PDB file of N, CA and C in Angstrom:
ATOM      1  N   MET A   1      29.670 -47.152  94.605  1.00  0.00           N
ATOM      2  CA  MET A   1      29.347 -48.423  93.978  1.00  0.00           C
ATOM      3  C   MET A   1      28.398 -48.131  92.837  1.00  0.00           C
ATOM      4  N   TYR A   2      28.622 -48.827  91.736  1.00  0.00           N
ATOM      5  CA  TYR A   2      27.679 -48.711  90.647  1.00  0.00           C
ATOM      6  C   TYR A   2      27.382 -50.097  90.109  1.00  0.00           C
ATOM      7  N   THR A   3      26.250 -50.228  89.451  1.00  0.00           N
ATOM      8  CA  THR A   3      25.817 -51.515  88.933  1.00  0.00           C
ATOM      9  C   THR A   3      25.562 -51.397  87.453  1.00  0.00           C
ATOM     10  N   SER A   4      26.077 -52.359  86.702  1.00  0.00           N
ATOM     11  CA  SER A   4      25.860 -52.418  85.269  1.00  0.00           C
ATOM     12  C   SER A   4      24.993 -53.630  84.977  1.00  0.00           C
ATOM     13  N   ASP A   5      23.966 -53.463  84.109  1.00  0.00           N
ATOM     14  CA  ASP A   5      23.031 -54.557  83.849  1.00  0.00           C
ATOM     15  C   ASP A   5      23.340 -55.346  82.582  1.00  0.00           C
ATOM     16  N   SER A   6      24.269 -54.917  81.758  1.00  0.00           N
ATOM     17  CA  SER A   6      24.551 -55.672  80.540  1.00  0.00           C
ATOM     18  C   SER A   6      26.040 -55.596  80.222  1.00  0.00           C
ATOM     19  N   THR A   7      26.481 -56.488  79.335  1.00  0.00           N
ATOM     20  CA  THR A   7      27.885 -56.526  78.938  1.00  0.00           C
ATOM     21  C   THR A   7      28.000 -56.186  77.468  1.00  0.00           C
ATOM     22  N   GLN A   8      29.227 -56.164  76.939  1.00  0.00           N
ATOM     23  CA  GLN A   8      29.453 -55.797  75.544  1.00  0.00           C
ATOM     24  C   GLN A   8      28.835 -56.785  74.568  1.00  0.00           C
ATOM     25  N   ASP A   9      28.754 -58.061  74.926  1.00  0.00           N
ATOM     26  CA  ASP A   9      28.186 -59.051  74.006  1.00  0.00           C
ATOM     27  C   ASP A   9      26.655 -59.075  74.045  1.00  0.00           C
ATOM     28  N   GLY A  10      26.044 -58.193  74.847  1.00  0.00           N
ATOM     29  CA  GLY A  10      24.604 -58.074  74.882  1.00  0.00           C
ATOM     30  C   GLY A  10      23.913 -58.944  75.915  1.00  0.00           C
ATOM     31  N   SER A  11      24.671 -59.821  76.577  1.00  0.00           N
ATOM     32  CA  SER A  11      24.037 -60.674  77.581  1.00  0.00           C
ATOM     33  C   SER A  11      23.670 -59.851  78.807  1.00  0.00           C
ATOM     34  N   ASN A  12      22.636 -60.263  79.489  1.00  0.00           N
ATOM     35  CA  ASN A  12      22.186 -59.555  80.668  1.00  0.00           C
ATOM     36  C   ASN A  12      22.835 -60.146  81.912  1.00  0.00           C
ATOM     37  N   THR A  13      23.746 -59.421  82.483  1.00  0.00           N
ATOM     38  CA  THR A  13      24.374 -59.819  83.741  1.00  0.00           C
ATOM     39  C   THR A  13      24.389 -58.610  84.645  1.00  0.00           C
ATOM     40  N   VAL A  14      24.500 -58.846  85.915  1.00  0.00           N
ATOM     41  CA  VAL A  14      24.577 -57.746  86.868  1.00  0.00           C
ATOM     42  C   VAL A  14      25.989 -57.714  87.416  1.00  0.00           C
ATOM     43  N   GLU A  15      26.612 -56.575  87.288  1.00  0.00           N
ATOM     44  CA  GLU A  15      27.985 -56.412  87.759  1.00  0.00           C
ATOM     45  C   GLU A  15      27.999 -55.276  88.774  1.00  0.00           C
ATOM     46  N   THR A  16      28.518 -55.549  89.944  1.00  0.00           N
ATOM     47  CA  THR A  16      28.600 -54.527  90.975  1.00  0.00           C
ATOM     48  C   THR A  16      30.064 -54.196  91.192  1.00  0.00           C
ATOM     49  N   VAL A  17      30.383 -52.931  91.143  1.00  0.00           N
ATOM     50  CA  VAL A  17      31.750 -52.485  91.338  1.00  0.00           C
ATOM     51  C   VAL A  17      31.795 -51.613  92.577  1.00  0.00           C
ATOM     52  N   LEU A  18      32.693 -51.954  93.493  1.00  0.00           N
ATOM     53  CA  LEU A  18      32.851 -51.170  94.715  1.00  0.00           C
ATOM     54  C   LEU A  18      33.898 -50.092  94.494  1.00  0.00           C
ATOM     55  N   THR A  19      33.659 -48.949  95.089  1.00  0.00           N
ATOM     56  CA  THR A  19      34.659 -47.897  95.020  1.00  0.00           C
ATOM     57  C   THR A  19      35.777 -48.209  96.006  1.00  0.00           C
ATOM     58  N   ALA A  20      36.891 -47.537  95.884  1.00  0.00           N
ATOM     59  CA  ALA A  20      38.021 -47.751  96.784  1.00  0.00           C
ATOM     60  C   ALA A  20      37.629 -47.445  98.225  1.00  0.00           C
ATOM     61  N   ALA A  21      36.808 -46.436  98.438  1.00  0.00           N
ATOM     62  CA  ALA A  21      36.373 -46.082  99.792  1.00  0.00           C
ATOM     63  C   ALA A  21      35.555 -47.201 100.418  1.00  0.00           C
ATOM     64  N   GLU A  22      34.705 -47.839  99.625  1.00  0.00           N
ATOM     65  CA  GLU A  22      33.892 -48.931 100.147  1.00  0.00           C
ATOM     66  C   GLU A  22      34.737 -50.148 100.489  1.00  0.00           C
ATOM     67  N   ILE A  23      35.723 -50.437  99.679  1.00  0.00           N
ATOM     68  CA  ILE A  23      36.615 -51.568  99.959  1.00  0.00           C
ATOM     69  C   ILE A  23      37.398 -51.298 101.227  1.00  0.00           C
ATOM     70  N   THR A  24      37.890 -50.092 101.382  1.00  0.00           N
ATOM     71  CA  THR A  24      38.637 -49.740 102.581  1.00  0.00           C
ATOM     72  C   THR A  24      37.750 -49.855 103.804  1.00  0.00           C
ATOM     73  N   PHE A  25      36.517 -49.359 103.719  1.00  0.00           N
ATOM     74  CA  PHE A  25      35.594 -49.448 104.841  1.00  0.00           C
ATOM     75  C   PHE A  25      35.333 -50.908 105.181  1.00  0.00           C
ATOM     76  N   GLU A  26      35.094 -51.729 104.167  1.00  0.00           N
ATOM     77  CA  GLU A  26      34.838 -53.159 104.393  1.00  0.00           C
ATOM     78  C   GLU A  26      36.039 -53.805 105.065  1.00  0.00           C
ATOM     79  N   SER A  27      37.231 -53.498 104.614  1.00  0.00           N
ATOM     80  CA  SER A  27      38.405 -54.138 105.196  1.00  0.00           C
ATOM     81  C   SER A  27      38.653 -53.648 106.618  1.00  0.00           C
ATOM     82  N   LEU A  28      38.277 -52.399 106.918  1.00  0.00           N
ATOM     83  CA  LEU A  28      38.416 -51.921 108.292  1.00  0.00           C
ATOM     84  C   LEU A  28      37.374 -52.567 109.194  1.00  0.00           C
ATOM     85  N   GLU A  29      36.172 -52.737 108.667  1.00  0.00           N
ATOM     86  CA  GLU A  29      35.095 -53.337 109.443  1.00  0.00           C
ATOM     87  C   GLU A  29      35.372 -54.814 109.702  1.00  0.00           C
ATOM     88  N   ASN A  30      35.887 -55.515 108.713  1.00  0.00           N
ATOM     89  CA  ASN A  30      36.182 -56.936 108.806  1.00  0.00           C
ATOM     90  C   ASN A  30      37.523 -57.188 108.132  1.00  0.00           C
ATOM     91  N   PRO A  31      38.616 -57.097 108.889  1.00  0.00           N
ATOM     92  CA  PRO A  31      39.941 -57.197 108.276  1.00  0.00           C
ATOM     93  C   PRO A  31      40.200 -58.540 107.610  1.00  0.00           C
ATOM     94  N   GLU A  32      39.427 -59.572 107.945  1.00  0.00           N
ATOM     95  CA  GLU A  32      39.648 -60.879 107.349  1.00  0.00           C
ATOM     96  C   GLU A  32      38.828 -61.067 106.073  1.00  0.00           C
ATOM     97  N   ALA A  33      38.108 -60.041 105.642  1.00  0.00           N
ATOM     98  CA  ALA A  33      37.220 -60.165 104.492  1.00  0.00           C
ATOM     99  C   ALA A  33      37.959 -60.616 103.238  1.00  0.00           C
ATOM    100  N   PHE A  34      39.200 -60.212 103.091  1.00  0.00           N
ATOM    101  CA  PHE A  34      39.956 -60.549 101.889  1.00  0.00           C
ATOM    102  C   PHE A  34      41.100 -61.507 102.201  1.00  0.00           C
ATOM    103  N   GLY A  35      41.065 -62.143 103.374  1.00  0.00           N
ATOM    104  CA  GLY A  35      42.133 -63.047 103.780  1.00  0.00           C
ATOM    105  C   GLY A  35      41.967 -64.439 103.199  1.00  0.00           C
ATOM    106  N   ASP A  36      42.923 -65.290 103.541  1.00  0.00           N
ATOM    107  CA  ASP A  36      42.907 -66.682 103.138  1.00  0.00           C
ATOM    108  C   ASP A  36      41.702 -67.369 103.778  1.00  0.00           C
ATOM    109  N   PRO A  37      40.806 -67.959 102.998  1.00  0.00           N
ATOM    110  CA  PRO A  37      39.593 -68.559 103.563  1.00  0.00           C
ATOM    111  C   PRO A  37      39.884 -69.625 104.623  1.00  0.00           C
ATOM    112  N   TYR A  38      40.919 -70.417 104.413  1.00  0.00           N
ATOM    113  CA  TYR A  38      41.269 -71.447 105.393  1.00  0.00           C
ATOM    114  C   TYR A  38      41.665 -70.803 106.715  1.00  0.00           C
ATOM    115  N   GLN A  39      42.499 -69.772 106.655  1.00  0.00           N
ATOM    116  CA  GLN A  39      42.951 -69.108 107.878  1.00  0.00           C
ATOM    117  C   GLN A  39      41.800 -68.389 108.571  1.00  0.00           C
ATOM    118  N   VAL A  40      40.911 -67.798 107.803  1.00  0.00           N
ATOM    119  CA  VAL A  40      39.729 -67.142 108.369  1.00  0.00           C
ATOM    120  C   VAL A  40      38.891 -68.171 109.120  1.00  0.00           C
ATOM    121  N   ALA A  41      38.693 -69.342 108.504  1.00  0.00           N
ATOM    122  CA  ALA A  41      37.918 -70.405 109.151  1.00  0.00           C
ATOM    123  C   ALA A  41      38.611 -70.894 110.419  1.00  0.00           C
ATOM    124  N   MET A  42      39.906 -71.105 110.354  1.00  0.00           N
ATOM    125  CA  MET A  42      40.648 -71.588 111.517  1.00  0.00           C
ATOM    126  C   MET A  42      40.620 -70.562 112.653  1.00  0.00           C
ATOM    127  N   ASN A  43      40.731 -69.295 112.325  1.00  0.00           N
ATOM    128  CA  ASN A  43      40.643 -68.240 113.346  1.00  0.00           C
ATOM    129  C   ASN A  43      39.282 -68.276 114.036  1.00  0.00           C
ATOM    130  N   TYR A  44      38.229 -68.477 113.253  1.00  0.00           N
ATOM    131  CA  TYR A  44      36.871 -68.560 113.809  1.00  0.00           C
ATOM    132  C   TYR A  44      36.758 -69.759 114.748  1.00  0.00           C
ATOM    133  N   VAL A  45      37.246 -70.919 114.296  1.00  0.00           N
ATOM    134  CA  VAL A  45      37.186 -72.147 115.093  1.00  0.00           C
ATOM    135  C   VAL A  45      37.933 -71.966 116.406  1.00  0.00           C
ATOM    136  N   GLU A  46      39.110 -71.350 116.350  1.00  0.00           N
ATOM    137  CA  GLU A  46      39.899 -71.126 117.562  1.00  0.00           C
ATOM    138  C   GLU A  46      39.239 -70.104 118.483  1.00  0.00           C
ATOM    139  N   GLU A  47      38.771 -69.003 117.911  1.00  0.00           N
ATOM    140  CA  GLU A  47      38.174 -67.928 118.706  1.00  0.00           C
ATOM    141  C   GLU A  47      36.945 -68.409 119.482  1.00  0.00           C
ATOM    142  N   HIS A  48      36.156 -69.255 118.859  1.00  0.00           N
ATOM    143  CA  HIS A  48      34.908 -69.709 119.464  1.00  0.00           C
ATOM    144  C   HIS A  48      35.018 -71.089 120.115  1.00  0.00           C
ATOM    145  N   LYS A  49      36.239 -71.623 120.135  1.00  0.00           N
ATOM    146  CA  LYS A  49      36.526 -72.916 120.788  1.00  0.00           C
ATOM    147  C   LYS A  49      35.619 -74.034 120.270  1.00  0.00           C
ATOM    148  N   ILE A  50      35.431 -74.063 118.960  1.00  0.00           N
ATOM    149  CA  ILE A  50      34.544 -75.033 118.326  1.00  0.00           C
ATOM    150  C   ILE A  50      35.036 -76.466 118.563  1.00  0.00           C
ATOM    151  N   LEU A  51      36.326 -76.713 118.389  1.00  0.00           N
ATOM    152  CA  LEU A  51      36.837 -78.069 118.570  1.00  0.00           C
ATOM    153  C   LEU A  51      36.644 -78.560 119.996  1.00  0.00           C
ATOM    154  N   GLN A  52      36.855 -77.680 120.976  1.00  0.00           N
ATOM    155  CA  GLN A  52      36.673 -78.066 122.376  1.00  0.00           C
ATOM    156  C   GLN A  52      35.209 -78.402 122.668  1.00  0.00           C
ATOM    157  N   ILE A  53      34.303 -77.646 122.072  1.00  0.00           N
ATOM    158  CA  ILE A  53      32.873 -77.896 122.264  1.00  0.00           C
ATOM    159  C   ILE A  53      32.519 -79.282 121.736  1.00  0.00           C
ATOM    160  N   PHE A  54      32.943 -79.579 120.504  1.00  0.00           N
ATOM    161  CA  PHE A  54      32.637 -80.880 119.919  1.00  0.00           C
ATOM    162  C   PHE A  54      33.318 -82.012 120.674  1.00  0.00           C
ATOM    163  N   GLN A  55      34.542 -81.782 121.130  1.00  0.00           N
ATOM    164  CA  GLN A  55      35.241 -82.819 121.876  1.00  0.00           C
ATOM    165  C   GLN A  55      34.509 -83.141 123.179  1.00  0.00           C
ATOM    166  N   GLU A  56      34.097 -82.111 123.896  1.00  0.00           N
ATOM    167  CA  GLU A  56      33.382 -82.321 125.159  1.00  0.00           C
ATOM    168  C   GLU A  56      32.077 -83.085 124.940  1.00  0.00           C
ATOM    169  N   ILE A  57      31.312 -82.682 123.941  1.00  0.00           N
ATOM    170  CA  ILE A  57      30.042 -83.355 123.660  1.00  0.00           C
ATOM    171  C   ILE A  57      30.293 -84.800 123.216  1.00  0.00           C
ATOM    172  N   THR A  58      31.289 -85.010 122.374  1.00  0.00           N
ATOM    173  CA  THR A  58      31.586 -86.361 121.889  1.00  0.00           C
ATOM    174  C   THR A  58      32.030 -87.272 123.027  1.00  0.00           C
ATOM    175  N   GLU A  59      32.860 -86.763 123.932  1.00  0.00           N
ATOM    176  CA  GLU A  59      33.290 -87.562 125.081  1.00  0.00           C
ATOM    177  C   GLU A  59      32.092 -88.000 125.922  1.00  0.00           C
ATOM    178  N   LYS A  60      31.191 -87.061 126.196  1.00  0.00           N
ATOM    179  CA  LYS A  60      30.001 -87.377 126.990  1.00  0.00           C
ATOM    180  C   LYS A  60      29.094 -88.353 126.258  1.00  0.00           C
ATOM    181  N   LEU A  61      28.981 -88.181 124.957  1.00  0.00           N
ATOM    182  CA  LEU A  61      28.144 -89.051 124.136  1.00  0.00           C
ATOM    183  C   LEU A  61      28.650 -90.491 124.175  1.00  0.00           C
ATOM    184  N   VAL A  62      29.943 -90.673 124.006  1.00  0.00           N
ATOM    185  CA  VAL A  62      30.527 -92.013 124.013  1.00  0.00           C
ATOM    186  C   VAL A  62      30.482 -92.619 125.416  1.00  0.00           C
ATOM    187  N   PHE A  63      30.654 -91.820 126.426  1.00  0.00           N
ATOM    188  CA  PHE A  63      30.624 -92.316 127.806  1.00  0.00           C
ATOM    189  C   PHE A  63      29.219 -92.778 128.193  1.00  0.00           C
ATOM    190  N   HIS A  64      28.219 -91.943 127.916  1.00  0.00           N
ATOM    191  CA  HIS A  64      26.845 -92.229 128.339  1.00  0.00           C
ATOM    192  C   HIS A  64      26.093 -93.158 127.381  1.00  0.00           C
ATOM    193  N   LYS A  65      26.483 -93.166 126.114  1.00  0.00           N
ATOM    194  CA  LYS A  65      25.847 -94.006 125.083  1.00  0.00           C
ATOM    195  C   LYS A  65      24.312 -93.936 125.137  1.00  0.00           C
ATOM    196  N   PRO A  66      23.747 -92.765 124.970  1.00  0.00           N
ATOM    197  CA  PRO A  66      22.282 -92.623 125.058  1.00  0.00           C
ATOM    198  C   PRO A  66      21.579 -93.321 123.890  1.00  0.00           C
ATOM    199  N   ASP A  67      20.329 -93.721 124.125  1.00  0.00           N
ATOM    200  CA  ASP A  67      19.524 -94.351 123.073  1.00  0.00           C
ATOM    201  C   ASP A  67      19.213 -93.360 121.946  1.00  0.00           C
ATOM    202  N   ASP A  68      19.065 -92.103 122.301  1.00  0.00           N
ATOM    203  CA  ASP A  68      18.764 -91.063 121.315  1.00  0.00           C
ATOM    204  C   ASP A  68      19.912 -90.047 121.310  1.00  0.00           C
ATOM    205  N   PRO A  69      20.941 -90.300 120.500  1.00  0.00           N
ATOM    206  CA  PRO A  69      22.118 -89.414 120.499  1.00  0.00           C
ATOM    207  C   PRO A  69      21.798 -87.964 120.142  1.00  0.00           C
ATOM    208  N   LEU A  70      20.897 -87.750 119.203  1.00  0.00           N
ATOM    209  CA  LEU A  70      20.571 -86.377 118.810  1.00  0.00           C
ATOM    210  C   LEU A  70      19.921 -85.606 119.956  1.00  0.00           C
ATOM    211  N   GLN A  71      19.032 -86.250 120.668  1.00  0.00           N
ATOM    212  CA  GLN A  71      18.400 -85.600 121.813  1.00  0.00           C
ATOM    213  C   GLN A  71      19.452 -85.297 122.886  1.00  0.00           C
ATOM    214  N   PHE A  72      20.364 -86.224 123.100  1.00  0.00           N
ATOM    215  CA  PHE A  72      21.436 -86.033 124.073  1.00  0.00           C
ATOM    216  C   PHE A  72      22.299 -84.833 123.679  1.00  0.00           C
ATOM    217  N   ILE A  73      22.673 -84.776 122.395  1.00  0.00           N
ATOM    218  CA  ILE A  73      23.497 -83.661 121.905  1.00  0.00           C
ATOM    219  C   ILE A  73      22.745 -82.348 122.096  1.00  0.00           C
ATOM    220  N   LEU A  74      21.466 -82.342 121.763  1.00  0.00           N
ATOM    221  CA  LEU A  74      20.651 -81.138 121.938  1.00  0.00           C
ATOM    222  C   LEU A  74      20.641 -80.686 123.393  1.00  0.00           C
ATOM    223  N   GLN A  75      20.479 -81.630 124.312  1.00  0.00           N
ATOM    224  CA  GLN A  75      20.467 -81.291 125.737  1.00  0.00           C
ATOM    225  C   GLN A  75      21.825 -80.755 126.195  1.00  0.00           C
ATOM    226  N   GLU A  76      22.907 -81.338 125.689  1.00  0.00           N
ATOM    227  CA  GLU A  76      24.243 -80.865 126.053  1.00  0.00           C
ATOM    228  C   GLU A  76      24.486 -79.448 125.544  1.00  0.00           C
ATOM    229  N   VAL A  77      24.079 -79.197 124.320  1.00  0.00           N
ATOM    230  CA  VAL A  77      24.247 -77.849 123.754  1.00  0.00           C
ATOM    231  C   VAL A  77      23.412 -76.847 124.550  1.00  0.00           C
ATOM    232  N   GLN A  78      22.186 -77.210 124.883  1.00  0.00           N
ATOM    233  CA  GLN A  78      21.328 -76.315 125.672  1.00  0.00           C
ATOM    234  C   GLN A  78      21.953 -76.062 127.038  1.00  0.00           C
ATOM    235  N   SER A  79      22.527 -77.089 127.630  1.00  0.00           N
ATOM    236  CA  SER A  79      23.192 -76.944 128.922  1.00  0.00           C
ATOM    237  C   SER A  79      24.374 -75.977 128.821  1.00  0.00           C
ATOM    238  N   MET A  80      25.138 -76.081 127.738  1.00  0.00           N
ATOM    239  CA  MET A  80      26.271 -75.165 127.521  1.00  0.00           C
ATOM    240  C   MET A  80      25.793 -73.727 127.342  1.00  0.00           C
ATOM    241  N   ILE A  81      24.700 -73.564 126.619  1.00  0.00           N
ATOM    242  CA  ILE A  81      24.145 -72.220 126.409  1.00  0.00           C
ATOM    243  C   ILE A  81      23.686 -71.635 127.740  1.00  0.00           C
ATOM    244  N   ASN A  82      22.988 -72.435 128.534  1.00  0.00           N
ATOM    245  CA  ASN A  82      22.514 -71.968 129.840  1.00  0.00           C
ATOM    246  C   ASN A  82      23.681 -71.591 130.750  1.00  0.00           C
ATOM    247  N   ALA A  83      24.732 -72.396 130.733  1.00  0.00           N
ATOM    248  CA  ALA A  83      25.914 -72.099 131.557  1.00  0.00           C
ATOM    249  C   ALA A  83      26.579 -70.804 131.112  1.00  0.00           C
ATOM    250  N   ARG A  84      26.656 -70.594 129.799  1.00  0.00           N
ATOM    251  CA  ARG A  84      27.257 -69.366 129.276  1.00  0.00           C
ATOM    252  C   ARG A  84      26.428 -68.145 129.660  1.00  0.00           C
ATOM    253  N   GLN A  85      25.106 -68.270 129.600  1.00  0.00           N
ATOM    254  CA  GLN A  85      24.230 -67.148 129.944  1.00  0.00           C
ATOM    255  C   GLN A  85      24.272 -66.852 131.436  1.00  0.00           C
ATOM    256  N   ALA A  86      24.553 -67.848 132.263  1.00  0.00           N
ATOM    257  CA  ALA A  86      24.610 -67.658 133.709  1.00  0.00           C
ATOM    258  C   ALA A  86      25.923 -67.005 134.142  1.00  0.00           C
ATOM    259  N   GLU A  87      26.961 -67.082 133.350  1.00  0.00           N
ATOM    260  CA  GLU A  87      28.268 -66.528 133.714  1.00  0.00           C
ATOM    261  C   GLU A  87      28.231 -65.044 134.071  1.00  0.00           C
ATOM    262  N   PRO A  88      27.650 -64.185 133.241  1.00  0.00           N
ATOM    263  CA  PRO A  88      27.642 -62.757 133.602  1.00  0.00           C
ATOM    264  C   PRO A  88      26.915 -62.485 134.917  1.00  0.00           C
ATOM    265  N   GLU A  89      25.865 -63.240 135.219  1.00  0.00           N
ATOM    266  CA  GLU A  89      25.134 -63.047 136.472  1.00  0.00           C
ATOM    267  C   GLU A  89      26.020 -63.376 137.664  1.00  0.00           C
ATOM    268  N   GLU A  90      26.851 -64.405 137.539  1.00  0.00           N
ATOM    269  CA  GLU A  90      27.769 -64.784 138.615  1.00  0.00           C
ATOM    270  C   GLU A  90      28.809 -63.694 138.821  1.00  0.00           C
ATOM    271  N   ASN A  91      29.272 -63.070 137.740  1.00  0.00           N
ATOM    272  CA  ASN A  91      30.301 -62.048 137.834  1.00  0.00           C
ATOM    273  C   ASN A  91      29.772 -60.751 138.438  1.00  0.00           C
ATOM    274  N   LYS A  92      28.446 -60.536 138.432  1.00  0.00           N
ATOM    275  CA  LYS A  92      27.872 -59.328 139.002  1.00  0.00           C
ATOM    276  C   LYS A  92      28.058 -59.302 140.511  1.00  0.00           C
ATOM    277  N   ASP A  93      28.056 -60.479 141.120  1.00  0.00           N
ATOM    278  CA  ASP A  93      28.167 -60.578 142.572  1.00  0.00           C
ATOM    279  C   ASP A  93      29.590 -60.350 143.072  1.00  0.00           C
ATOM    280  N   VAL A  94      30.571 -60.429 142.171  1.00  0.00           N
ATOM    281  CA  VAL A  94      31.968 -60.264 142.574  1.00  0.00           C
ATOM    282  C   VAL A  94      32.270 -58.782 142.699  1.00  0.00           C
ATOM    283  N   GLN A  95      32.826 -58.395 143.837  1.00  0.00           N
ATOM    284  CA  GLN A  95      33.173 -56.984 144.052  1.00  0.00           C
ATOM    285  C   GLN A  95      34.651 -56.778 143.800  1.00  0.00           C
ATOM    286  N   VAL A  96      34.963 -55.700 143.110  1.00  0.00           N
ATOM    287  CA  VAL A  96      36.351 -55.366 142.816  1.00  0.00           C
ATOM    288  C   VAL A  96      36.874 -54.515 143.966  1.00  0.00           C
ATOM    289  N   LEU A  97      38.003 -54.910 144.517  1.00  0.00           N
ATOM    290  CA  LEU A  97      38.595 -54.166 145.636  1.00  0.00           C
ATOM    291  C   LEU A  97      39.597 -53.175 145.159  1.00  0.00           C
TER     292      LEU A  97
END
């Protein structure tokens, strides 16, 4: 990679050029780096079950109708985090036969 601080017209700009090896390394490290941004976003949403998380919280929010919706959402998210962190501990007790 090299950096150039000026252009032919004399203006000061910073230009960074990656070598072919760096681009290849980047694409191996993150194959979606040069993909379609919409598809990259959708893959992320699906992989992390973002829609299901929001749907679950929204259902509970509408059902319970709390006076402070933001506090309720915060508590639900914290509850989900705690449940996720407890999962590996539960799996430790399971013995493989």
